């Protein structure tokens, strides 16, 4: 079945220039594996489409049951260059957590 990522994860986000940084943390330890499997850089790139024009790198942080995603060329040039209403990385975190992922019912416990 499909669910939104925010059902099993929470996040923090920010920005530096034209780079958005989103950290995603499993709400329960058993959700970490689901996120590892489902939330790949390729899937994140597909989720954001043309909004993220550069590379997406995922850093696994198992000690925190989380992942740090660095998305380059994601903010329309950065806060001082973009025509977007809210170009800062904070809104990217919210959009990130609206990503749909596949899970089996028994994985949600």
PDB file of N, CA and C in Angstrom:
ATOM      1  N   UNK A   1       0.845  -1.179   0.000  1.00  0.00           N
ATOM      2  CA  UNK A   1       0.000   0.000   0.000  1.00  0.00           C
ATOM      3  C   UNK A   1       0.891   1.242   0.000  1.00  0.00           C
ATOM      4  N   UNK A   2       0.322   2.352  -0.430  1.00  0.00           N
ATOM      5  CA  UNK A   2       1.063   3.608  -0.437  1.00  0.00           C
ATOM      6  C   UNK A   2       0.697   4.455   0.769  1.00  0.00           C
ATOM      7  N   UNK A   3       1.728   5.078   1.341  1.00  0.00           N
ATOM      8  CA  UNK A   3       1.527   6.025   2.436  1.00  0.00           C
ATOM      9  C   UNK A   3       2.427   7.229   2.173  1.00  0.00           C
ATOM     10  N   UNK A   4       2.159   8.316   2.885  1.00  0.00           N
ATOM     11  CA  UNK A   4       3.071   9.457   2.839  1.00  0.00           C
ATOM     12  C   UNK A   4       4.215   9.196   3.811  1.00  0.00           C
ATOM     13  N   UNK A   5       5.396   9.631   3.435  1.00  0.00           N
ATOM     14  CA  UNK A   5       6.578   9.450   4.271  1.00  0.00           C
ATOM     15  C   UNK A   5       6.368  10.027   5.669  1.00  0.00           C
ATOM     16  N   UNK A   6       5.613  11.113   5.774  1.00  0.00           N
ATOM     17  CA  UNK A   6       5.425  11.736   7.090  1.00  0.00           C
ATOM     18  C   UNK A   6       4.678  10.848   8.084  1.00  0.00           C
ATOM     19  N   UNK A   7       4.074   9.766   7.617  1.00  0.00           N
ATOM     20  CA  UNK A   7       3.398   8.844   8.522  1.00  0.00           C
ATOM     21  C   UNK A   7       4.379   7.998   9.323  1.00  0.00           C
ATOM     22  N   UNK A   8       5.595   7.841   8.802  1.00  0.00           N
ATOM     23  CA  UNK A   8       6.594   7.028   9.513  1.00  0.00           C
ATOM     24  C   UNK A   8       7.874   7.796   9.813  1.00  0.00           C
ATOM     25  N   UNK A   9       7.922   9.066   9.432  1.00  0.00           N
ATOM     26  CA  UNK A   9       9.145   9.847   9.627  1.00  0.00           C
ATOM     27  C   UNK A   9       8.815  11.296   9.949  1.00  0.00           C
ATOM     28  N   UNK A  10       9.777  11.958  10.552  1.00  0.00           N
ATOM     29  CA  UNK A  10       9.708  13.406  10.730  1.00  0.00           C
ATOM     30  C   UNK A  10      11.026  13.965  10.215  1.00  0.00           C
ATOM     31  N   UNK A  11      11.098  15.258  10.052  1.00  0.00           N
ATOM     32  CA  UNK A  11      12.301  15.798   9.448  1.00  0.00           C
ATOM     33  C   UNK A  11      12.669  17.188   9.913  1.00  0.00           C
ATOM     34  N   UNK A  12      13.872  17.580   9.530  1.00  0.00           N
ATOM     35  CA  UNK A  12      14.401  18.925   9.747  1.00  0.00           C
ATOM     36  C   UNK A  12      15.040  19.342   8.432  1.00  0.00           C
ATOM     37  N   UNK A  13      14.978  20.606   8.126  1.00  0.00           N
ATOM     38  CA  UNK A  13      15.547  21.038   6.852  1.00  0.00           C
ATOM     39  C   UNK A  13      16.122  22.438   6.955  1.00  0.00           C
ATOM     40  N   UNK A  14      16.942  22.755   5.980  1.00  0.00           N
ATOM     41  CA  UNK A  14      17.554  24.071   5.916  1.00  0.00           C
ATOM     42  C   UNK A  14      18.142  24.289   4.542  1.00  0.00           C
ATOM     43  N   UNK A  15      18.864  25.392   4.411  1.00  0.00           N
ATOM     44  CA  UNK A  15      19.436  25.696   3.108  1.00  0.00           C
ATOM     45  C   UNK A  15      20.739  26.466   3.273  1.00  0.00           C
ATOM     46  N   UNK A  16      21.534  26.413   2.237  1.00  0.00           N
ATOM     47  CA  UNK A  16      22.757  27.204   2.132  1.00  0.00           C
ATOM     48  C   UNK A  16      22.927  27.520   0.661  1.00  0.00           C
ATOM     49  N   UNK A  17      22.694  28.759   0.299  1.00  0.00           N
ATOM     50  CA  UNK A  17      22.767  29.132  -1.109  1.00  0.00           C
ATOM     51  C   UNK A  17      21.692  28.412  -1.905  1.00  0.00           C
ATOM     52  N   UNK A  18      22.114  27.681  -2.920  1.00  0.00           N
ATOM     53  CA  UNK A  18      21.190  26.959  -3.804  1.00  0.00           C
ATOM     54  C   UNK A  18      21.093  25.477  -3.435  1.00  0.00           C
ATOM     55  N   UNK A  19      21.545  25.129  -2.238  1.00  0.00           N
ATOM     56  CA  UNK A  19      21.526  23.738  -1.775  1.00  0.00           C
ATOM     57  C   UNK A  19      20.533  23.583  -0.634  1.00  0.00           C
ATOM     58  N   UNK A  20      19.667  22.587  -0.771  1.00  0.00           N
ATOM     59  CA  UNK A  20      18.700  22.260   0.278  1.00  0.00           C
ATOM     60  C   UNK A  20      19.174  21.020   1.015  1.00  0.00           C
ATOM     61  N   UNK A  21      19.018  21.039   2.312  1.00  0.00           N
ATOM     62  CA  UNK A  21      19.431  19.934   3.171  1.00  0.00           C
ATOM     63  C   UNK A  21      18.208  19.465   3.951  1.00  0.00           C
ATOM     64  N   UNK A  22      17.844  18.186   3.803  1.00  0.00           N
ATOM     65  CA  UNK A  22      16.695  17.644   4.529  1.00  0.00           C
ATOM     66  C   UNK A  22      17.134  16.391   5.266  1.00  0.00           C
ATOM     67  N   UNK A  23      16.900  16.364   6.567  1.00  0.00           N
ATOM     68  CA  UNK A  23      17.165  15.176   7.382  1.00  0.00           C
ATOM     69  C   UNK A  23      15.826  14.515   7.692  1.00  0.00           C
ATOM     70  N   UNK A  24      15.770  13.219   7.498  1.00  0.00           N
ATOM     71  CA  UNK A  24      14.563  12.436   7.724  1.00  0.00           C
ATOM     72  C   UNK A  24      14.872  11.411   8.808  1.00  0.00           C
ATOM     73  N   UNK A  25      14.046  11.363   9.843  1.00  0.00           N
ATOM     74  CA  UNK A  25      14.254  10.462  10.974  1.00  0.00           C
ATOM     75  C   UNK A  25      13.058   9.531  11.134  1.00  0.00           C
ATOM     76  N   UNK A  26      13.317   8.249  11.333  1.00  0.00           N
ATOM     77  CA  UNK A  26      12.258   7.267  11.543  1.00  0.00           C
ATOM     78  C   UNK A  26      11.535   7.564  12.854  1.00  0.00           C
ATOM     79  N   UNK A  27      10.208   7.500  12.832  1.00  0.00           N
ATOM     80  CA  UNK A  27       9.415   7.715  14.044  1.00  0.00           C
ATOM     81  C   UNK A  27       9.556   6.545  15.027  1.00  0.00           C
ATOM     82  N   UNK A  28       9.834   5.360  14.490  1.00  0.00           N
ATOM     83  CA  UNK A  28      10.072   4.166  15.306  1.00  0.00           C
ATOM     84  C   UNK A  28      11.271   3.437  14.710  1.00  0.00           C
ATOM     85  N   UNK A  29      12.061   2.744  15.531  1.00  0.00           N
ATOM     86  CA  UNK A  29      13.229   2.032  14.998  1.00  0.00           C
ATOM     87  C   UNK A  29      12.899   1.075  13.848  1.00  0.00           C
ATOM     88  N   UNK A  30      11.739   0.443  13.907  1.00  0.00           N
ATOM     89  CA  UNK A  30      11.394  -0.522  12.860  1.00  0.00           C
ATOM     90  C   UNK A  30      11.096   0.146  11.507  1.00  0.00           C
ATOM     91  N   UNK A  31      10.923   1.450  11.495  1.00  0.00           N
ATOM     92  CA  UNK A  31      10.668   2.154  10.239  1.00  0.00           C
ATOM     93  C   UNK A  31      11.952   2.519   9.487  1.00  0.00           C
ATOM     94  N   UNK A  32      13.076   2.437  10.157  1.00  0.00           N
ATOM     95  CA  UNK A  32      14.353   2.816   9.541  1.00  0.00           C
ATOM     96  C   UNK A  32      14.620   2.019   8.260  1.00  0.00           C
ATOM     97  N   UNK A  33      14.398   0.721   8.294  1.00  0.00           N
ATOM     98  CA  UNK A  33      14.628  -0.128   7.124  1.00  0.00           C
ATOM     99  C   UNK A  33      13.711   0.209   5.962  1.00  0.00           C
ATOM    100  N   UNK A  34      12.474   0.572   6.272  1.00  0.00           N
ATOM    101  CA  UNK A  34      11.529   0.965   5.222  1.00  0.00           C
ATOM    102  C   UNK A  34      12.042   2.225   4.522  1.00  0.00           C
ATOM    103  N   UNK A  35      12.456   3.186   5.311  1.00  0.00           N
ATOM    104  CA  UNK A  35      12.957   4.439   4.744  1.00  0.00           C
ATOM    105  C   UNK A  35      14.220   4.175   3.923  1.00  0.00           C
ATOM    106  N   UNK A  36      15.108   3.334   4.446  1.00  0.00           N
ATOM    107  CA  UNK A  36      16.340   3.002   3.711  1.00  0.00           C
ATOM    108  C   UNK A  36      16.014   2.405   2.347  1.00  0.00           C
ATOM    109  N   UNK A  37      15.025   1.560   2.308  1.00  0.00           N
ATOM    110  CA  UNK A  37      14.640   0.881   1.069  1.00  0.00           C
ATOM    111  C   UNK A  37      13.905   1.800   0.104  1.00  0.00           C
ATOM    112  N   UNK A  38      12.990   2.605   0.624  1.00  0.00           N
ATOM    113  CA  UNK A  38      12.075   3.362  -0.219  1.00  0.00           C
ATOM    114  C   UNK A  38      12.540   4.771  -0.598  1.00  0.00           C
ATOM    115  N   UNK A  39      13.336   5.382   0.245  1.00  0.00           N
ATOM    116  CA  UNK A  39      13.692   6.787   0.028  1.00  0.00           C
ATOM    117  C   UNK A  39      15.132   6.879  -0.472  1.00  0.00           C
ATOM    118  N   UNK A  40      15.287   6.574  -1.736  1.00  0.00           N
ATOM    119  CA  UNK A  40      16.596   6.614  -2.390  1.00  0.00           C
ATOM    120  C   UNK A  40      16.775   7.966  -3.081  1.00  0.00           C
ATOM    121  N   UNK A  41      18.004   8.334  -3.378  1.00  0.00           N
ATOM    122  CA  UNK A  41      18.206   9.581  -4.129  1.00  0.00           C
ATOM    123  C   UNK A  41      17.427   9.610  -5.445  1.00  0.00           C
ATOM    124  N   UNK A  42      17.336   8.484  -6.115  1.00  0.00           N
ATOM    125  CA  UNK A  42      16.604   8.417  -7.378  1.00  0.00           C
ATOM    126  C   UNK A  42      15.113   8.678  -7.173  1.00  0.00           C
ATOM    127  N   UNK A  43      14.548   8.105  -6.124  1.00  0.00           N
ATOM    128  CA  UNK A  43      13.125   8.317  -5.839  1.00  0.00           C
ATOM    129  C   UNK A  43      12.854   9.759  -5.405  1.00  0.00           C
ATOM    130  N   UNK A  44      13.784  10.324  -4.649  1.00  0.00           N
ATOM    131  CA  UNK A  44      13.640  11.722  -4.229  1.00  0.00           C
ATOM    132  C   UNK A  44      13.696  12.634  -5.452  1.00  0.00           C
ATOM    133  N   UNK A  45      14.622  12.345  -6.356  1.00  0.00           N
ATOM    134  CA  UNK A  45      14.747  13.133  -7.593  1.00  0.00           C
ATOM    135  C   UNK A  45      13.438  13.063  -8.393  1.00  0.00           C
ATOM    136  N   UNK A  46      12.860  11.882  -8.508  1.00  0.00           N
ATOM    137  CA  UNK A  46      11.593  11.723  -9.221  1.00  0.00           C
ATOM    138  C   UNK A  46      10.469  12.487  -8.511  1.00  0.00           C
ATOM    139  N   UNK A  47      10.474  12.478  -7.188  1.00  0.00           N
ATOM    140  CA  UNK A  47       9.454  13.174  -6.401  1.00  0.00           C
ATOM    141  C   UNK A  47       9.494  14.687  -6.666  1.00  0.00           C
ATOM    142  N   UNK A  48      10.683  15.258  -6.691  1.00  0.00           N
ATOM    143  CA  UNK A  48      10.819  16.700  -6.872  1.00  0.00           C
ATOM    144  C   UNK A  48      10.835  17.129  -8.340  1.00  0.00           C
ATOM    145  N   UNK A  49      11.101  16.221  -9.252  1.00  0.00           N
ATOM    146  CA  UNK A  49      11.112  16.560 -10.675  1.00  0.00           C
ATOM    147  C   UNK A  49      12.106  17.658 -10.996  1.00  0.00           C
ATOM    148  N   UNK A  50      11.674  18.611 -11.799  1.00  0.00           N
ATOM    149  CA  UNK A  50      12.553  19.700 -12.238  1.00  0.00           C
ATOM    150  C   UNK A  50      12.889  20.701 -11.140  1.00  0.00           C
ATOM    151  N   UNK A  51      12.237  20.600 -10.008  1.00  0.00           N
ATOM    152  CA  UNK A  51      12.519  21.531  -8.916  1.00  0.00           C
ATOM    153  C   UNK A  51      13.961  21.371  -8.419  1.00  0.00           C
ATOM    154  N   UNK A  52      14.455  20.141  -8.391  1.00  0.00           N
ATOM    155  CA  UNK A  52      15.841  19.879  -7.999  1.00  0.00           C
ATOM    156  C   UNK A  52      16.611  19.573  -9.273  1.00  0.00           C
ATOM    157  N   UNK A  53      17.482  20.483  -9.656  1.00  0.00           N
ATOM    158  CA  UNK A  53      18.188  20.359 -10.932  1.00  0.00           C
ATOM    159  C   UNK A  53      19.555  19.697 -10.790  1.00  0.00           C
ATOM    160  N   UNK A  54      20.036  19.559  -9.589  1.00  0.00           N
ATOM    161  CA  UNK A  54      21.362  18.990  -9.377  1.00  0.00           C
ATOM    162  C   UNK A  54      21.329  17.624  -8.730  1.00  0.00           C
ATOM    163  N   UNK A  55      22.493  17.220  -8.284  1.00  0.00           N
ATOM    164  CA  UNK A  55      22.704  15.915  -7.656  1.00  0.00           C
ATOM    165  C   UNK A  55      22.020  15.855  -6.291  1.00  0.00           C
ATOM    166  N   UNK A  56      21.549  14.677  -5.942  1.00  0.00           N
ATOM    167  CA  UNK A  56      21.015  14.415  -4.611  1.00  0.00           C
ATOM    168  C   UNK A  56      21.884  13.330  -3.980  1.00  0.00           C
ATOM    169  N   UNK A  57      22.423  13.635  -2.813  1.00  0.00           N
ATOM    170  CA  UNK A  57      23.277  12.689  -2.100  1.00  0.00           C
ATOM    171  C   UNK A  57      22.599  12.327  -0.782  1.00  0.00           C
ATOM    172  N   UNK A  58      22.555  11.028  -0.480  1.00  0.00           N
ATOM    173  CA  UNK A  58      21.972  10.561   0.790  1.00  0.00           C
ATOM    174  C   UNK A  58      23.092  10.091   1.697  1.00  0.00           C
ATOM    175  N   UNK A  59      23.083  10.583   2.922  1.00  0.00           N
ATOM    176  CA  UNK A  59      24.012  10.143   3.951  1.00  0.00           C
ATOM    177  C   UNK A  59      23.214   9.385   5.002  1.00  0.00           C
ATOM    178  N   UNK A  60      23.549   8.118   5.208  1.00  0.00           N
ATOM    179  CA  UNK A  60      22.857   7.307   6.207  1.00  0.00           C
ATOM    180  C   UNK A  60      23.441   7.604   7.588  1.00  0.00           C
ATOM    181  N   UNK A  61      22.561   7.755   8.578  1.00  0.00           N
ATOM    182  CA  UNK A  61      22.972   8.030   9.952  1.00  0.00           C
ATOM    183  C   UNK A  61      22.247   7.038  10.858  1.00  0.00           C
ATOM    184  N   UNK A  62      22.675   5.759  10.832  1.00  0.00           N
ATOM    185  CA  UNK A  62      21.947   4.735  11.585  1.00  0.00           C
ATOM    186  C   UNK A  62      21.895   4.985  13.094  1.00  0.00           C
ATOM    187  N   UNK A  63      22.903   5.643  13.649  1.00  0.00           N
ATOM    188  CA  UNK A  63      22.893   5.898  15.092  1.00  0.00           C
ATOM    189  C   UNK A  63      21.741   6.811  15.502  1.00  0.00           C
ATOM    190  N   UNK A  64      21.214   7.598  14.550  1.00  0.00           N
ATOM    191  CA  UNK A  64      20.075   8.478  14.807  1.00  0.00           C
ATOM    192  C   UNK A  64      18.803   7.991  14.121  1.00  0.00           C
ATOM    193  N   UNK A  65      18.886   6.817  13.489  1.00  0.00           N
ATOM    194  CA  UNK A  65      17.779   6.251  12.722  1.00  0.00           C
ATOM    195  C   UNK A  65      17.296   7.256  11.679  1.00  0.00           C
ATOM    196  N   UNK A  66      18.282   7.845  10.991  1.00  0.00           N
ATOM    197  CA  UNK A  66      17.926   8.879  10.036  1.00  0.00           C
ATOM    198  C   UNK A  66      18.799   8.901   8.801  1.00  0.00           C
ATOM    199  N   UNK A  67      18.469   9.844   7.945  1.00  0.00           N
ATOM    200  CA  UNK A  67      19.151  10.035   6.670  1.00  0.00           C
ATOM    201  C   UNK A  67      19.233  11.531   6.403  1.00  0.00           C
ATOM    202  N   UNK A  68      20.358  11.965   5.891  1.00  0.00           N
ATOM    203  CA  UNK A  68      20.545  13.351   5.521  1.00  0.00           C
ATOM    204  C   UNK A  68      20.628  13.418   4.001  1.00  0.00           C
ATOM    205  N   UNK A  69      19.748  14.187   3.391  1.00  0.00           N
ATOM    206  CA  UNK A  69      19.729  14.356   1.938  1.00  0.00           C
ATOM    207  C   UNK A  69      20.208  15.763   1.602  1.00  0.00           C
ATOM    208  N   UNK A  70      21.215  15.829   0.750  1.00  0.00           N
ATOM    209  CA  UNK A  70      21.735  17.104   0.269  1.00  0.00           C
ATOM    210  C   UNK A  70      21.337  17.214  -1.197  1.00  0.00           C
ATOM    211  N   UNK A  71      20.546  18.243  -1.502  1.00  0.00           N
ATOM    212  CA  UNK A  71      20.017  18.431  -2.855  1.00  0.00           C
ATOM    213  C   UNK A  71      20.580  19.720  -3.440  1.00  0.00           C
ATOM    214  N   UNK A  72      21.416  19.559  -4.461  1.00  0.00           N
ATOM    215  CA  UNK A  72      22.084  20.710  -5.072  1.00  0.00           C
ATOM    216  C   UNK A  72      21.233  21.307  -6.186  1.00  0.00           C
ATOM    217  N   UNK A  73      21.377  22.609  -6.367  1.00  0.00           N
ATOM    218  CA  UNK A  73      20.619  23.363  -7.374  1.00  0.00           C
ATOM    219  C   UNK A  73      19.113  23.103  -7.192  1.00  0.00           C
ATOM    220  N   UNK A  74      18.672  23.292  -5.945  1.00  0.00           N
ATOM    221  CA  UNK A  74      17.295  22.956  -5.578  1.00  0.00           C
ATOM    222  C   UNK A  74      16.450  24.173  -5.221  1.00  0.00           C
ATOM    223  N   UNK A  75      17.060  25.346  -5.154  1.00  0.00           N
ATOM    224  CA  UNK A  75      16.322  26.493  -4.628  1.00  0.00           C
ATOM    225  C   UNK A  75      16.276  27.666  -5.598  1.00  0.00           C
ATOM    226  N   UNK A  76      16.325  27.374  -6.879  1.00  0.00           N
ATOM    227  CA  UNK A  76      16.202  28.433  -7.870  1.00  0.00           C
ATOM    228  C   UNK A  76      17.288  29.487  -7.778  1.00  0.00           C
ATOM    229  N   UNK A  77      18.482  29.088  -7.348  1.00  0.00           N
ATOM    230  CA  UNK A  77      19.598  30.025  -7.229  1.00  0.00           C
ATOM    231  C   UNK A  77      19.860  30.469  -5.803  1.00  0.00           C
ATOM    232  N   UNK A  78      18.974  30.175  -4.887  1.00  0.00           N
ATOM    233  CA  UNK A  78      19.129  30.586  -3.496  1.00  0.00           C
ATOM    234  C   UNK A  78      18.234  31.774  -3.173  1.00  0.00           C
ATOM    235  N   UNK A  79      18.150  32.120  -1.907  1.00  0.00           N
ATOM    236  CA  UNK A  79      17.207  33.136  -1.424  1.00  0.00           C
ATOM    237  C   UNK A  79      17.360  34.479  -2.121  1.00  0.00           C
ATOM    238  N   UNK A  80      18.563  34.864  -2.483  1.00  0.00           N
ATOM    239  CA  UNK A  80      18.756  36.189  -3.083  1.00  0.00           C
ATOM    240  C   UNK A  80      18.601  36.193  -4.600  1.00  0.00           C
ATOM    241  N   UNK A  81      18.450  35.010  -5.223  1.00  0.00           N
ATOM    242  CA  UNK A  81      18.369  34.924  -6.677  1.00  0.00           C
ATOM    243  C   UNK A  81      17.040  34.373  -7.195  1.00  0.00           C
ATOM    244  N   UNK A  82      16.272  33.759  -6.351  1.00  0.00           N
ATOM    245  CA  UNK A  82      15.093  33.023  -6.792  1.00  0.00           C
ATOM    246  C   UNK A  82      13.853  33.907  -6.879  1.00  0.00           C
ATOM    247  N   UNK A  83      12.970  33.568  -7.805  1.00  0.00           N
ATOM    248  CA  UNK A  83      11.671  34.227  -7.907  1.00  0.00           C
ATOM    249  C   UNK A  83      10.584  33.430  -7.186  1.00  0.00           C
ATOM    250  N   UNK A  84      10.951  32.302  -6.598  1.00  0.00           N
ATOM    251  CA  UNK A  84       9.979  31.498  -5.847  1.00  0.00           C
ATOM    252  C   UNK A  84       9.542  32.260  -4.600  1.00  0.00           C
ATOM    253  N   UNK A  85       8.293  32.063  -4.207  1.00  0.00           N
ATOM    254  CA  UNK A  85       7.783  32.769  -3.035  1.00  0.00           C
ATOM    255  C   UNK A  85       8.509  32.363  -1.764  1.00  0.00           C
ATOM    256  N   UNK A  86       8.773  31.093  -1.606  1.00  0.00           N
ATOM    257  CA  UNK A  86       9.489  30.619  -0.428  1.00  0.00           C
ATOM    258  C   UNK A  86      10.576  29.676  -0.901  1.00  0.00           C
ATOM    259  N   UNK A  87      11.734  30.215  -1.176  1.00  0.00           N
ATOM    260  CA  UNK A  87      12.807  29.416  -1.753  1.00  0.00           C
ATOM    261  C   UNK A  87      13.666  28.735  -0.703  1.00  0.00           C
ATOM    262  N   UNK A  88      13.464  29.059   0.539  1.00  0.00           N
ATOM    263  CA  UNK A  88      14.328  28.516   1.571  1.00  0.00           C
ATOM    264  C   UNK A  88      14.071  27.035   1.797  1.00  0.00           C
ATOM    265  N   UNK A  89      15.087  26.356   2.326  1.00  0.00           N
ATOM    266  CA  UNK A  89      15.030  24.915   2.530  1.00  0.00           C
ATOM    267  C   UNK A  89      13.960  24.449   3.496  1.00  0.00           C
ATOM    268  N   UNK A  90      13.427  25.318   4.331  1.00  0.00           N
ATOM    269  CA  UNK A  90      12.399  24.891   5.291  1.00  0.00           C
ATOM    270  C   UNK A  90      11.177  24.317   4.583  1.00  0.00           C
ATOM    271  N   UNK A  91      10.767  24.928   3.500  1.00  0.00           N
ATOM    272  CA  UNK A  91       9.601  24.415   2.787  1.00  0.00           C
ATOM    273  C   UNK A  91       9.917  23.111   2.061  1.00  0.00           C
ATOM    274  N   UNK A  92      11.184  22.876   1.741  1.00  0.00           N
ATOM    275  CA  UNK A  92      11.577  21.633   1.074  1.00  0.00           C
ATOM    276  C   UNK A  92      11.349  20.436   1.997  1.00  0.00           C
ATOM    277  N   UNK A  93      11.555  20.613   3.286  1.00  0.00           N
ATOM    278  CA  UNK A  93      11.338  19.523   4.230  1.00  0.00           C
ATOM    279  C   UNK A  93       9.890  19.070   4.240  1.00  0.00           C
ATOM    280  N   UNK A  94       8.988  20.022   4.210  1.00  0.00           N
ATOM    281  CA  UNK A  94       7.565  19.700   4.174  1.00  0.00           C
ATOM    282  C   UNK A  94       7.205  18.979   2.879  1.00  0.00           C
ATOM    283  N   UNK A  95       7.709  19.477   1.762  1.00  0.00           N
ATOM    284  CA  UNK A  95       7.448  18.832   0.468  1.00  0.00           C
ATOM    285  C   UNK A  95       8.056  17.436   0.428  1.00  0.00           C
ATOM    286  N   UNK A  96       9.217  17.272   1.019  1.00  0.00           N
ATOM    287  CA  UNK A  96       9.897  15.977   1.063  1.00  0.00           C
ATOM    288  C   UNK A  96       9.034  14.945   1.778  1.00  0.00           C
ATOM    289  N   UNK A  97       8.469  15.318   2.917  1.00  0.00           N
ATOM    290  CA  UNK A  97       7.686  14.384   3.721  1.00  0.00           C
ATOM    291  C   UNK A  97       6.335  14.040   3.097  1.00  0.00           C
ATOM    292  N   UNK A  98       5.965  14.728   2.020  1.00  0.00           N
ATOM    293  CA  UNK A  98       4.742  14.402   1.275  1.00  0.00           C
ATOM    294  C   UNK A  98       5.018  13.372   0.178  1.00  0.00           C
ATOM    295  N   UNK A  99       6.230  12.860   0.143  1.00  0.00           N
ATOM    296  CA  UNK A  99       6.595  11.815  -0.822  1.00  0.00           C
ATOM    297  C   UNK A  99       5.824  10.540  -0.482  1.00  0.00           C
ATOM    298  N   UNK A 100       5.288   9.881  -1.502  1.00  0.00           N
ATOM    299  CA  UNK A 100       4.581   8.613  -1.292  1.00  0.00           C
ATOM    300  C   UNK A 100       5.567   7.457  -1.385  1.00  0.00           C
ATOM    301  N   UNK A 101       5.405   6.505  -0.473  1.00  0.00           N
ATOM    302  CA  UNK A 101       6.258   5.322  -0.454  1.00  0.00           C
ATOM    303  C   UNK A 101       5.391   4.066  -0.367  1.00  0.00           C
ATOM    304  N   UNK A 102       5.961   2.944  -0.727  1.00  0.00           N
ATOM    305  CA  UNK A 102       5.270   1.657  -0.683  1.00  0.00           C
ATOM    306  C   UNK A 102       5.659   0.909   0.595  1.00  0.00           C
ATOM    307  N   UNK A 103       4.658   0.410   1.302  1.00  0.00           N
ATOM    308  CA  UNK A 103       4.898  -0.430   2.481  1.00  0.00           C
ATOM    309  C   UNK A 103       3.883  -1.547   2.508  1.00  0.00           C
ATOM    310  N   UNK A 104       4.275  -2.639   3.135  1.00  0.00           N
ATOM    311  CA  UNK A 104       3.327  -3.721   3.400  1.00  0.00           C
ATOM    312  C   UNK A 104       2.630  -3.411   4.716  1.00  0.00           C
ATOM    313  N   UNK A 105       1.382  -3.788   4.834  1.00  0.00           N
ATOM    314  CA  UNK A 105       0.628  -3.488   6.058  1.00  0.00           C
ATOM    315  C   UNK A 105       1.325  -4.019   7.299  1.00  0.00           C
ATOM    316  N   UNK A 106       1.919  -5.190   7.212  1.00  0.00           N
ATOM    317  CA  UNK A 106       2.573  -5.776   8.393  1.00  0.00           C
ATOM    318  C   UNK A 106       3.840  -5.049   8.794  1.00  0.00           C
ATOM    319  N   UNK A 107       4.380  -4.160   7.936  1.00  0.00           N
ATOM    320  CA  UNK A 107       5.559  -3.399   8.290  1.00  0.00           C
ATOM    321  C   UNK A 107       5.250  -2.239   9.222  1.00  0.00           C
ATOM    322  N   UNK A 108       3.999  -1.831   9.294  1.00  0.00           N
ATOM    323  CA  UNK A 108       3.644  -0.676  10.098  1.00  0.00           C
ATOM    324  C   UNK A 108       3.374  -1.015  11.554  1.00  0.00           C
ATOM    325  N   UNK A 109       3.215  -2.269  11.857  1.00  0.00           N
ATOM    326  CA  UNK A 109       3.033  -2.746  13.221  1.00  0.00           C
ATOM    327  C   UNK A 109       2.024  -2.038  13.991  1.00  0.00           C
TER     328      UNK A 109
END
